[in-house]
Structure formats: structure tokens, C-alpha cells
């Protein structure tokens, strides 16, 4: 069995530029996707990496909608590190609230 570096990181806690959840090495090696374009100006991993020259803004591969629609592809091989950065959106909050409500009010 061949050794791979395959990994995926979900970074959901750094919703402002002064925060970050991974180091520059993970940033340099990862293929980044975002929940929405706002992540490029709010997420600490990205803002800081752009400022330090670790990656460029145009190296962010795509957003969640592009992944869902198949416009962009996620993992391309077993040696990639994919990274999803989420700063949040009201739509996701609303969907989570709806799911929670439906779960607790569902009849057995």
C-alpha cells in the first residue's frame, strides 16, 4: 500500500483576520475552498497568508456552490491536502435552525 499525504482540514473558527487555525505549511500545501467570497477578507488563515505571501488570493480554488454544482472538483488525488474555510452565513444558520426544529418536533 502506497503512503499518501491525503488530508482534509475544515477551518471554521477564524472568522476575523486576527485569528487562525492552521500554520503556513498547511496553507502552502493545501488546496483551499471557501464557503463564500467573504472568507477571503475575513478568515485569518487566508488574510494572513495573503499578507505574508504564503499564497495569493487567486490560488483559492473555489467556493462551496461551485463544488456542489461540480463546476470545481475537490480532491484530485490521494496526495492532496484540501482545506475548507468557513466564516459563516445567515443561510447556513437558518438551515441549521430548521434542521434542529424539524428534528425535535418530528413524530416517532
PDB file of N, CA and C in Angstrom:
ATOM      1  N   UNK A   1       0.842  -1.172   0.000  1.00  0.00           N
ATOM      2  CA  UNK A   1       0.000   0.000   0.000  1.00  0.00           C
ATOM      3  C   UNK A   1       0.890   1.239   0.000  1.00  0.00           C
ATOM      4  N   UNK A   2       0.646   2.146  -0.915  1.00  0.00           N
ATOM      5  CA  UNK A   2       1.455   3.357  -1.037  1.00  0.00           C
ATOM      6  C   UNK A   2       1.091   4.372   0.038  1.00  0.00           C
ATOM      7  N   UNK A   3       2.099   5.057   0.530  1.00  0.00           N
ATOM      8  CA  UNK A   3       1.881   6.109   1.518  1.00  0.00           C
ATOM      9  C   UNK A   3       1.347   7.348   0.812  1.00  0.00           C
ATOM     10  N   UNK A   4       0.358   7.999   1.418  1.00  0.00           N
ATOM     11  CA  UNK A   4      -0.172   9.242   0.862  1.00  0.00           C
ATOM     12  C   UNK A   4      -0.140  10.326   1.923  1.00  0.00           C
ATOM     13  N   UNK A   5      -0.213  11.547   1.469  1.00  0.00           N
ATOM     14  CA  UNK A   5      -0.303  12.694   2.366  1.00  0.00           C
ATOM     15  C   UNK A   5      -1.730  13.216   2.412  1.00  0.00           C
ATOM     16  N   UNK A   6      -2.661  12.419   1.935  1.00  0.00           N
ATOM     17  CA  UNK A   6      -4.050  12.838   1.837  1.00  0.00           C
ATOM     18  C   UNK A   6      -4.587  13.306   3.193  1.00  0.00           C
ATOM     19  N   UNK A   7      -5.214  14.463   3.166  1.00  0.00           N
ATOM     20  CA  UNK A   7      -5.812  15.009   4.381  1.00  0.00           C
ATOM     21  C   UNK A   7      -6.851  16.048   3.987  1.00  0.00           C
ATOM     22  N   UNK A   8      -7.735  16.337   4.912  1.00  0.00           N
ATOM     23  CA  UNK A   8      -8.704  17.417   4.718  1.00  0.00           C
ATOM     24  C   UNK A   8      -8.819  18.193   6.019  1.00  0.00           C
ATOM     25  N   UNK A   9      -8.826  19.498   5.908  1.00  0.00           N
ATOM     26  CA  UNK A   9      -8.982  20.370   7.062  1.00  0.00           C
ATOM     27  C   UNK A   9     -10.251  21.195   6.891  1.00  0.00           C
ATOM     28  N   UNK A  10     -11.090  21.224   7.918  1.00  0.00           N
ATOM     29  CA  UNK A  10     -12.240  22.125   7.965  1.00  0.00           C
ATOM     30  C   UNK A  10     -11.895  23.208   8.971  1.00  0.00           C
ATOM     31  N   UNK A  11     -11.776  24.427   8.506  1.00  0.00           N
ATOM     32  CA  UNK A  11     -11.411  25.551   9.361  1.00  0.00           C
ATOM     33  C   UNK A  11     -12.620  26.461   9.495  1.00  0.00           C
ATOM     34  N   UNK A  12     -13.221  26.436  10.664  1.00  0.00           N
ATOM     35  CA  UNK A  12     -14.487  27.145  10.843  1.00  0.00           C
ATOM     36  C   UNK A  12     -14.462  28.173  11.967  1.00  0.00           C
ATOM     37  N   UNK A  13     -13.337  28.337  12.639  1.00  0.00           N
ATOM     38  CA  UNK A  13     -13.323  29.194  13.814  1.00  0.00           C
ATOM     39  C   UNK A  13     -12.683  30.555  13.646  1.00  0.00           C
ATOM     40  N   UNK A  14     -11.989  30.782  12.547  1.00  0.00           N
ATOM     41  CA  UNK A  14     -11.274  32.057  12.401  1.00  0.00           C
ATOM     42  C   UNK A  14     -12.063  33.018  11.528  1.00  0.00           C
ATOM     43  N   UNK A  15     -13.063  33.599  12.123  1.00  0.00           N
ATOM     44  CA  UNK A  15     -13.984  34.457  11.388  1.00  0.00           C
ATOM     45  C   UNK A  15     -13.534  35.912  11.328  1.00  0.00           C
ATOM     46  N   UNK A  16     -12.330  36.199  11.820  1.00  0.00           N
ATOM     47  CA  UNK A  16     -11.783  37.543  11.674  1.00  0.00           C
ATOM     48  C   UNK A  16     -10.283  37.434  11.387  1.00  0.00           C
ATOM     49  N   UNK A  17      -9.713  38.440  10.740  1.00  0.00           N
ATOM     50  CA  UNK A  17      -8.331  38.359  10.258  1.00  0.00           C
ATOM     51  C   UNK A  17      -7.270  38.075  11.323  1.00  0.00           C
ATOM     52  N   UNK A  18      -7.520  38.405  12.572  1.00  0.00           N
ATOM     53  CA  UNK A  18      -6.510  38.199  13.605  1.00  0.00           C
ATOM     54  C   UNK A  18      -6.465  36.759  14.124  1.00  0.00           C
ATOM     55  N   UNK A  19      -7.341  35.893  13.650  1.00  0.00           N
ATOM     56  CA  UNK A  19      -7.414  34.507  14.124  1.00  0.00           C
ATOM     57  C   UNK A  19      -6.911  33.564  13.037  1.00  0.00           C
ATOM     58  N   UNK A  20      -6.392  32.390  13.479  1.00  0.00           N
ATOM     59  CA  UNK A  20      -6.070  31.360  12.502  1.00  0.00           C
ATOM     60  C   UNK A  20      -6.005  29.998  13.170  1.00  0.00           C
ATOM     61  N   UNK A  21      -6.300  28.962  12.393  1.00  0.00           N
ATOM     62  CA  UNK A  21      -6.364  27.607  12.919  1.00  0.00           C
ATOM     63  C   UNK A  21      -5.320  26.668  12.318  1.00  0.00           C
ATOM     64  N   UNK A  22      -4.558  27.115  11.342  1.00  0.00           N
ATOM     65  CA  UNK A  22      -3.513  26.256  10.774  1.00  0.00           C
ATOM     66  C   UNK A  22      -2.272  27.097  10.491  1.00  0.00           C
ATOM     67  N   UNK A  23      -1.159  26.415  10.354  1.00  0.00           N
ATOM     68  CA  UNK A  23       0.099  27.124  10.139  1.00  0.00           C
ATOM     69  C   UNK A  23       0.362  27.361   8.655  1.00  0.00           C
ATOM     70  N   UNK A  24       1.436  28.085   8.368  1.00  0.00           N
ATOM     71  CA  UNK A  24       1.768  28.423   6.983  1.00  0.00           C
ATOM     72  C   UNK A  24       2.090  27.193   6.139  1.00  0.00           C
ATOM     73  N   UNK A  25       2.655  26.165   6.733  1.00  0.00           N
ATOM     74  CA  UNK A  25       2.978  24.952   5.975  1.00  0.00           C
ATOM     75  C   UNK A  25       1.712  24.280   5.456  1.00  0.00           C
ATOM     76  N   UNK A  26       0.711  24.150   6.298  1.00  0.00           N
ATOM     77  CA  UNK A  26      -0.565  23.575   5.854  1.00  0.00           C
ATOM     78  C   UNK A  26      -1.203  24.467   4.788  1.00  0.00           C
ATOM     79  N   UNK A  27      -1.080  25.765   4.964  1.00  0.00           N
ATOM     80  CA  UNK A  27      -1.632  26.707   3.988  1.00  0.00           C
ATOM     81  C   UNK A  27      -0.907  26.570   2.650  1.00  0.00           C
ATOM     82  N   UNK A  28       0.380  26.482   2.691  1.00  0.00           N
ATOM     83  CA  UNK A  28       1.177  26.376   1.471  1.00  0.00           C
ATOM     84  C   UNK A  28       0.853  25.080   0.712  1.00  0.00           C
ATOM     85  N   UNK A  29       0.645  24.006   1.438  1.00  0.00           N
ATOM     86  CA  UNK A  29       0.431  22.696   0.816  1.00  0.00           C
ATOM     87  C   UNK A  29      -1.022  22.423   0.438  1.00  0.00           C
ATOM     88  N   UNK A  30      -1.962  23.175   1.018  1.00  0.00           N
ATOM     89  CA  UNK A  30      -3.377  22.875   0.823  1.00  0.00           C
ATOM     90  C   UNK A  30      -3.981  23.477  -0.429  1.00  0.00           C
ATOM     91  N   UNK A  31      -5.079  22.852  -0.878  1.00  0.00           N
ATOM     92  CA  UNK A  31      -5.941  23.422  -1.927  1.00  0.00           C
ATOM     93  C   UNK A  31      -7.151  23.978  -1.213  1.00  0.00           C
ATOM     94  N   UNK A  32      -7.312  25.297  -1.269  1.00  0.00           N
ATOM     95  CA  UNK A  32      -8.338  25.985  -0.471  1.00  0.00           C
ATOM     96  C   UNK A  32      -9.644  26.175  -1.219  1.00  0.00           C
ATOM     97  N   UNK A  33     -10.722  25.950  -0.472  1.00  0.00           N
ATOM     98  CA  UNK A  33     -12.081  26.248  -0.907  1.00  0.00           C
ATOM     99  C   UNK A  33     -12.742  27.033   0.226  1.00  0.00           C
ATOM    100  N   UNK A  34     -13.676  27.898  -0.119  1.00  0.00           N
ATOM    101  CA  UNK A  34     -14.327  28.748   0.878  1.00  0.00           C
ATOM    102  C   UNK A  34     -15.844  28.554   0.814  1.00  0.00           C
ATOM    103  N   UNK A  35     -16.518  28.910   1.907  1.00  0.00           N
ATOM    104  CA  UNK A  35     -17.974  28.842   1.888  1.00  0.00           C
ATOM    105  C   UNK A  35     -18.546  29.954   1.018  1.00  0.00           C
ATOM    106  N   UNK A  36     -17.931  31.112   1.061  1.00  0.00           N
ATOM    107  CA  UNK A  36     -18.330  32.235   0.210  1.00  0.00           C
ATOM    108  C   UNK A  36     -17.161  33.210   0.089  1.00  0.00           C
ATOM    109  N   UNK A  37     -17.275  34.148  -0.800  1.00  0.00           N
ATOM    110  CA  UNK A  37     -16.172  35.071  -1.093  1.00  0.00           C
ATOM    111  C   UNK A  37     -15.746  35.927   0.097  1.00  0.00           C
ATOM    112  N   UNK A  38     -16.632  36.127   1.054  1.00  0.00           N
ATOM    113  CA  UNK A  38     -16.311  36.927   2.234  1.00  0.00           C
ATOM    114  C   UNK A  38     -15.150  36.319   3.008  1.00  0.00           C
ATOM    115  N   UNK A  39     -14.997  35.012   2.931  1.00  0.00           N
ATOM    116  CA  UNK A  39     -13.904  34.337   3.635  1.00  0.00           C
ATOM    117  C   UNK A  39     -12.541  34.888   3.219  1.00  0.00           C
ATOM    118  N   UNK A  40     -12.428  35.355   1.994  1.00  0.00           N
ATOM    119  CA  UNK A  40     -11.144  35.886   1.515  1.00  0.00           C
ATOM    120  C   UNK A  40     -10.745  37.184   2.211  1.00  0.00           C
ATOM    121  N   UNK A  41     -11.696  37.857   2.828  1.00  0.00           N
ATOM    122  CA  UNK A  41     -11.375  39.111   3.528  1.00  0.00           C
ATOM    123  C   UNK A  41     -11.587  39.030   5.032  1.00  0.00           C
ATOM    124  N   UNK A  42     -12.138  37.904   5.522  1.00  0.00           N
ATOM    125  CA  UNK A  42     -12.389  37.763   6.955  1.00  0.00           C
ATOM    126  C   UNK A  42     -11.602  36.646   7.625  1.00  0.00           C
ATOM    127  N   UNK A  43     -11.399  35.543   6.947  1.00  0.00           N
ATOM    128  CA  UNK A  43     -10.763  34.379   7.578  1.00  0.00           C
ATOM    129  C   UNK A  43      -9.277  34.623   7.805  1.00  0.00           C
ATOM    130  N   UNK A  44      -8.857  34.450   9.046  1.00  0.00           N
ATOM    131  CA  UNK A  44      -7.459  34.686   9.406  1.00  0.00           C
ATOM    132  C   UNK A  44      -6.478  33.857   8.614  1.00  0.00           C
ATOM    133  N   UNK A  45      -6.808  32.575   8.349  1.00  0.00           N
ATOM    134  CA  UNK A  45      -5.904  31.738   7.559  1.00  0.00           C
ATOM    135  C   UNK A  45      -5.594  32.375   6.217  1.00  0.00           C
ATOM    136  N   UNK A  46      -6.615  32.897   5.585  1.00  0.00           N
ATOM    137  CA  UNK A  46      -6.437  33.450   4.243  1.00  0.00           C
ATOM    138  C   UNK A  46      -5.864  34.859   4.267  1.00  0.00           C
ATOM    139  N   UNK A  47      -6.456  35.743   5.044  1.00  0.00           N
ATOM    140  CA  UNK A  47      -5.984  37.135   5.091  1.00  0.00           C
ATOM    141  C   UNK A  47      -4.507  37.179   5.469  1.00  0.00           C
ATOM    142  N   UNK A  48      -4.152  36.466   6.527  1.00  0.00           N
ATOM    143  CA  UNK A  48      -2.761  36.443   6.967  1.00  0.00           C
ATOM    144  C   UNK A  48      -1.840  35.839   5.926  1.00  0.00           C
ATOM    145  N   UNK A  49      -2.282  34.749   5.296  1.00  0.00           N
ATOM    146  CA  UNK A  49      -1.458  34.094   4.273  1.00  0.00           C
ATOM    147  C   UNK A  49      -1.246  35.013   3.071  1.00  0.00           C
ATOM    148  N   UNK A  50      -2.276  35.746   2.683  1.00  0.00           N
ATOM    149  CA  UNK A  50      -2.122  36.704   1.581  1.00  0.00           C
ATOM    150  C   UNK A  50      -1.104  37.775   1.965  1.00  0.00           C
ATOM    151  N   UNK A  51      -1.232  38.292   3.172  1.00  0.00           N
ATOM    152  CA  UNK A  51      -0.330  39.359   3.632  1.00  0.00           C
ATOM    153  C   UNK A  51       1.118  38.889   3.741  1.00  0.00           C
ATOM    154  N   UNK A  52       1.329  37.640   4.169  1.00  0.00           N
ATOM    155  CA  UNK A  52       2.684  37.099   4.320  1.00  0.00           C
ATOM    156  C   UNK A  52       3.250  36.547   3.019  1.00  0.00           C
ATOM    157  N   UNK A  53       2.442  36.506   1.969  1.00  0.00           N
ATOM    158  CA  UNK A  53       2.901  35.983   0.687  1.00  0.00           C
ATOM    159  C   UNK A  53       2.957  34.462   0.629  1.00  0.00           C
ATOM    160  N   UNK A  54       2.258  33.803   1.541  1.00  0.00           N
ATOM    161  CA  UNK A  54       2.252  32.339   1.564  1.00  0.00           C
ATOM    162  C   UNK A  54       1.461  31.804   0.372  1.00  0.00           C
ATOM    163  N   UNK A  55       0.302  32.382   0.120  1.00  0.00           N
ATOM    164  CA  UNK A  55      -0.492  32.089  -1.077  1.00  0.00           C
ATOM    165  C   UNK A  55      -1.080  33.402  -1.581  1.00  0.00           C
ATOM    166  N   UNK A  56      -1.571  33.356  -2.811  1.00  0.00           N
ATOM    167  CA  UNK A  56      -2.221  34.519  -3.403  1.00  0.00           C
ATOM    168  C   UNK A  56      -3.727  34.291  -3.425  1.00  0.00           C
ATOM    169  N   UNK A  57      -4.474  35.373  -3.451  1.00  0.00           N
ATOM    170  CA  UNK A  57      -5.934  35.271  -3.430  1.00  0.00           C
ATOM    171  C   UNK A  57      -6.463  34.416  -4.574  1.00  0.00           C
ATOM    172  N   UNK A  58      -5.843  34.507  -5.748  1.00  0.00           N
ATOM    173  CA  UNK A  58      -6.335  33.726  -6.880  1.00  0.00           C
ATOM    174  C   UNK A  58      -6.001  32.233  -6.777  1.00  0.00           C
ATOM    175  N   UNK A  59      -5.275  31.842  -5.727  1.00  0.00           N
ATOM    176  CA  UNK A  59      -4.992  30.421  -5.502  1.00  0.00           C
ATOM    177  C   UNK A  59      -6.110  29.726  -4.721  1.00  0.00           C
ATOM    178  N   UNK A  60      -7.076  30.480  -4.222  1.00  0.00           N
ATOM    179  CA  UNK A  60      -8.249  29.856  -3.617  1.00  0.00           C
ATOM    180  C   UNK A  60      -9.014  29.223  -4.771  1.00  0.00           C
ATOM    181  N   UNK A  61      -9.209  27.917  -4.688  1.00  0.00           N
ATOM    182  CA  UNK A  61      -9.718  27.137  -5.816  1.00  0.00           C
ATOM    183  C   UNK A  61     -11.172  27.422  -6.182  1.00  0.00           C
ATOM    184  N   UNK A  62     -12.000  27.704  -5.184  1.00  0.00           N
ATOM    185  CA  UNK A  62     -13.405  27.923  -5.474  1.00  0.00           C
ATOM    186  C   UNK A  62     -14.222  27.992  -4.202  1.00  0.00           C
ATOM    187  N   UNK A  63     -15.547  28.053  -4.385  1.00  0.00           N
ATOM    188  CA  UNK A  63     -16.424  28.146  -3.225  1.00  0.00           C
ATOM    189  C   UNK A  63     -17.352  26.932  -3.148  1.00  0.00           C
ATOM    190  N   UNK A  64     -18.120  26.892  -2.087  1.00  0.00           N
ATOM    191  CA  UNK A  64     -18.983  25.752  -1.815  1.00  0.00           C
ATOM    192  C   UNK A  64     -19.999  25.510  -2.935  1.00  0.00           C
ATOM    193  N   UNK A  65     -20.584  26.558  -3.457  1.00  0.00           N
ATOM    194  CA  UNK A  65     -21.573  26.410  -4.532  1.00  0.00           C
ATOM    195  C   UNK A  65     -20.923  25.780  -5.760  1.00  0.00           C
ATOM    196  N   UNK A  66     -19.712  26.212  -6.092  1.00  0.00           N
ATOM    197  CA  UNK A  66     -19.007  25.633  -7.248  1.00  0.00           C
ATOM    198  C   UNK A  66     -18.698  24.158  -7.033  1.00  0.00           C
ATOM    199  N   UNK A  67     -18.370  23.778  -5.802  1.00  0.00           N
ATOM    200  CA  UNK A  67     -18.127  22.364  -5.503  1.00  0.00           C
ATOM    201  C   UNK A  67     -19.406  21.553  -5.640  1.00  0.00           C
ATOM    202  N   UNK A  68     -20.501  22.064  -5.077  1.00  0.00           N
ATOM    203  CA  UNK A  68     -21.780  21.343  -5.121  1.00  0.00           C
ATOM    204  C   UNK A  68     -22.259  21.172  -6.557  1.00  0.00           C
ATOM    205  N   UNK A  69     -22.127  22.216  -7.362  1.00  0.00           N
ATOM    206  CA  UNK A  69     -22.584  22.160  -8.749  1.00  0.00           C
ATOM    207  C   UNK A  69     -21.644  21.366  -9.654  1.00  0.00           C
ATOM    208  N   UNK A  70     -20.450  21.040  -9.170  1.00  0.00           N
ATOM    209  CA  UNK A  70     -19.488  20.314  -9.991  1.00  0.00           C
ATOM    210  C   UNK A  70     -18.671  21.199 -10.910  1.00  0.00           C
ATOM    211  N   UNK A  71     -18.792  22.515 -10.734  1.00  0.00           N
ATOM    212  CA  UNK A  71     -18.001  23.458 -11.526  1.00  0.00           C
ATOM    213  C   UNK A  71     -16.526  23.325 -11.162  1.00  0.00           C
ATOM    214  N   UNK A  72     -16.259  23.086  -9.894  1.00  0.00           N
ATOM    215  CA  UNK A  72     -14.895  22.856  -9.392  1.00  0.00           C
ATOM    216  C   UNK A  72     -14.854  21.458  -8.807  1.00  0.00           C
ATOM    217  N   UNK A  73     -13.695  20.821  -8.910  1.00  0.00           N
ATOM    218  CA  UNK A  73     -13.570  19.486  -8.313  1.00  0.00           C
ATOM    219  C   UNK A  73     -12.792  19.577  -7.017  1.00  0.00           C
ATOM    220  N   UNK A  74     -13.164  18.729  -6.077  1.00  0.00           N
ATOM    221  CA  UNK A  74     -12.478  18.684  -4.790  1.00  0.00           C
ATOM    222  C   UNK A  74     -11.146  17.972  -4.935  1.00  0.00           C
ATOM    223  N   UNK A  75     -10.961  16.938  -4.160  1.00  0.00           N
ATOM    224  CA  UNK A  75      -9.695  16.196  -4.173  1.00  0.00           C
ATOM    225  C   UNK A  75      -9.442  15.597  -5.557  1.00  0.00           C
ATOM    226  N   UNK A  76      -8.243  15.820  -6.057  1.00  0.00           N
ATOM    227  CA  UNK A  76      -7.877  15.306  -7.370  1.00  0.00           C
ATOM    228  C   UNK A  76      -7.055  14.028  -7.284  1.00  0.00           C
ATOM    229  N   UNK A  77      -6.336  13.836  -6.180  1.00  0.00           N
ATOM    230  CA  UNK A  77      -5.581  12.601  -5.990  1.00  0.00           C
ATOM    231  C   UNK A  77      -5.309  12.379  -4.507  1.00  0.00           C
ATOM    232  N   UNK A  78      -4.732  11.240  -4.194  1.00  0.00           N
ATOM    233  CA  UNK A  78      -4.519  10.852  -2.812  1.00  0.00           C
ATOM    234  C   UNK A  78      -3.374  11.542  -2.112  1.00  0.00           C
ATOM    235  N   UNK A  79      -2.727  12.470  -2.768  1.00  0.00           N
ATOM    236  CA  UNK A  79      -1.610  13.179  -2.145  1.00  0.00           C
ATOM    237  C   UNK A  79      -1.929  14.623  -1.829  1.00  0.00           C
ATOM    238  N   UNK A  80      -3.193  14.969  -1.922  1.00  0.00           N
ATOM    239  CA  UNK A  80      -3.581  16.365  -1.687  1.00  0.00           C
ATOM    240  C   UNK A  80      -4.054  16.611  -0.269  1.00  0.00           C
ATOM    241  N   UNK A  81      -3.871  17.845   0.138  1.00  0.00           N
ATOM    242  CA  UNK A  81      -4.483  18.345   1.353  1.00  0.00           C
ATOM    243  C   UNK A  81      -5.526  19.360   0.897  1.00  0.00           C
ATOM    244  N   UNK A  82      -6.789  19.062   1.150  1.00  0.00           N
ATOM    245  CA  UNK A  82      -7.844  20.017   0.816  1.00  0.00           C
ATOM    246  C   UNK A  82      -8.234  20.747   2.097  1.00  0.00           C
ATOM    247  N   UNK A  83      -8.568  22.013   1.923  1.00  0.00           N
ATOM    248  CA  UNK A  83      -8.883  22.864   3.070  1.00  0.00           C
ATOM    249  C   UNK A  83     -10.169  23.621   2.769  1.00  0.00           C
ATOM    250  N   UNK A  84     -11.133  23.527   3.681  1.00  0.00           N
ATOM    251  CA  UNK A  84     -12.378  24.264   3.538  1.00  0.00           C
ATOM    252  C   UNK A  84     -12.430  25.314   4.635  1.00  0.00           C
ATOM    253  N   UNK A  85     -12.563  26.573   4.231  1.00  0.00           N
ATOM    254  CA  UNK A  85     -12.612  27.683   5.179  1.00  0.00           C
ATOM    255  C   UNK A  85     -14.032  28.244   5.186  1.00  0.00           C
ATOM    256  N   UNK A  86     -14.596  28.304   6.385  1.00  0.00           N
ATOM    257  CA  UNK A  86     -15.969  28.790   6.519  1.00  0.00           C
ATOM    258  C   UNK A  86     -16.022  29.924   7.531  1.00  0.00           C
ATOM    259  N   UNK A  87     -16.545  31.052   7.097  1.00  0.00           N
ATOM    260  CA  UNK A  87     -16.728  32.173   8.023  1.00  0.00           C
ATOM    261  C   UNK A  87     -18.191  32.323   8.406  1.00  0.00           C
ATOM    262  N   UNK A  88     -19.037  31.559   7.759  1.00  0.00           N
ATOM    263  CA  UNK A  88     -20.444  31.544   8.121  1.00  0.00           C
ATOM    264  C   UNK A  88     -21.311  32.408   7.237  1.00  0.00           C
ATOM    265  N   UNK A  89     -22.574  32.069   7.253  1.00  0.00           N
ATOM    266  CA  UNK A  89     -23.556  32.875   6.530  1.00  0.00           C
ATOM    267  C   UNK A  89     -24.915  32.657   7.177  1.00  0.00           C
ATOM    268  N   UNK A  90     -25.762  33.613   7.034  1.00  0.00           N
ATOM    269  CA  UNK A  90     -27.092  33.536   7.631  1.00  0.00           C
ATOM    270  C   UNK A  90     -27.884  32.368   7.051  1.00  0.00           C
ATOM    271  N   UNK A  91     -27.654  32.044   5.796  1.00  0.00           N
ATOM    272  CA  UNK A  91     -28.377  30.937   5.165  1.00  0.00           C
ATOM    273  C   UNK A  91     -28.048  29.627   5.872  1.00  0.00           C
ATOM    274  N   UNK A  92     -26.789  29.398   6.158  1.00  0.00           N
ATOM    275  CA  UNK A  92     -26.385  28.170   6.851  1.00  0.00           C
ATOM    276  C   UNK A  92     -26.985  28.142   8.256  1.00  0.00           C
ATOM    277  N   UNK A  93     -26.968  29.266   8.938  1.00  0.00           N
ATOM    278  CA  UNK A  93     -27.573  29.335  10.270  1.00  0.00           C
ATOM    279  C   UNK A  93     -29.065  29.001  10.208  1.00  0.00           C
ATOM    280  N   UNK A  94     -29.746  29.528   9.213  1.00  0.00           N
ATOM    281  CA  UNK A  94     -31.171  29.267   9.057  1.00  0.00           C
ATOM    282  C   UNK A  94     -31.435  27.793   8.766  1.00  0.00           C
ATOM    283  N   UNK A  95     -30.641  27.191   7.896  1.00  0.00           N
ATOM    284  CA  UNK A  95     -30.808  25.770   7.596  1.00  0.00           C
ATOM    285  C   UNK A  95     -30.566  24.902   8.823  1.00  0.00           C
ATOM    286  N   UNK A  96     -29.566  25.247   9.616  1.00  0.00           N
ATOM    287  CA  UNK A  96     -29.301  24.505  10.850  1.00  0.00           C
ATOM    288  C   UNK A  96     -30.458  24.643  11.834  1.00  0.00           C
ATOM    289  N   UNK A  97     -31.000  25.837  11.950  1.00  0.00           N
ATOM    290  CA  UNK A  97     -32.142  26.051  12.844  1.00  0.00           C
ATOM    291  C   UNK A  97     -33.341  25.240  12.374  1.00  0.00           C
ATOM    292  N   UNK A  98     -33.573  25.216  11.073  1.00  0.00           N
ATOM    293  CA  UNK A  98     -34.685  24.450  10.523  1.00  0.00           C
ATOM    294  C   UNK A  98     -34.485  22.960  10.795  1.00  0.00           C
ATOM    295  N   UNK A  99     -33.286  22.456  10.577  1.00  0.00           N
ATOM    296  CA  UNK A  99     -32.998  21.046  10.832  1.00  0.00           C
ATOM    297  C   UNK A  99     -33.215  20.699  12.305  1.00  0.00           C
ATOM    298  N   UNK A 100     -32.741  21.551  13.194  1.00  0.00           N
ATOM    299  CA  UNK A 100     -32.924  21.313  14.635  1.00  0.00           C
ATOM    300  C   UNK A 100     -34.405  21.299  14.986  1.00  0.00           C
ATOM    301  N   UNK A 101     -35.155  22.256  14.476  1.00  0.00           N
ATOM    302  CA  UNK A 101     -36.591  22.324  14.757  1.00  0.00           C
ATOM    303  C   UNK A 101     -37.299  21.071  14.252  1.00  0.00           C
ATOM    304  N   UNK A 102     -37.011  20.689  13.017  1.00  0.00           N
ATOM    305  CA  UNK A 102     -37.665  19.509  12.431  1.00  0.00           C
ATOM    306  C   UNK A 102     -37.293  18.234  13.194  1.00  0.00           C
ATOM    307  N   UNK A 103     -36.063  18.178  13.671  1.00  0.00           N
ATOM    308  CA  UNK A 103     -35.613  17.000  14.424  1.00  0.00           C
ATOM    309  C   UNK A 103     -36.345  16.871  15.751  1.00  0.00           C
ATOM    310  N   UNK A 104     -36.495  17.981  16.464  1.00  0.00           N
ATOM    311  CA  UNK A 104     -37.108  17.882  17.802  1.00  0.00           C
ATOM    312  C   UNK A 104     -38.648  17.820  17.739  1.00  0.00           C
ATOM    313  N   UNK A 105     -39.212  18.245  16.619  1.00  0.00           N
ATOM    314  CA  UNK A 105     -40.679  18.201  16.503  1.00  0.00           C
ATOM    315  C   UNK A 105     -41.163  17.004  15.705  1.00  0.00           C
ATOM    316  N   UNK A 106     -40.257  16.194  15.189  1.00  0.00           N
ATOM    317  CA  UNK A 106     -40.639  15.024  14.380  1.00  0.00           C
ATOM    318  C   UNK A 106     -41.369  14.011  15.262  1.00  0.00           C
ATOM    319  N   UNK A 107     -42.408  13.442  14.716  1.00  0.00           N
ATOM    320  CA  UNK A 107     -43.156  12.407  15.439  1.00  0.00           C
ATOM    321  C   UNK A 107     -42.459  11.068  15.204  1.00  0.00           C
ATOM    322  N   UNK A 108     -42.368  10.271  16.264  1.00  0.00           N
ATOM    323  CA  UNK A 108     -41.701   8.968  16.134  1.00  0.00           C
ATOM    324  C   UNK A 108     -42.442   7.996  15.243  1.00  0.00           C
TER     325      UNK A 108
END
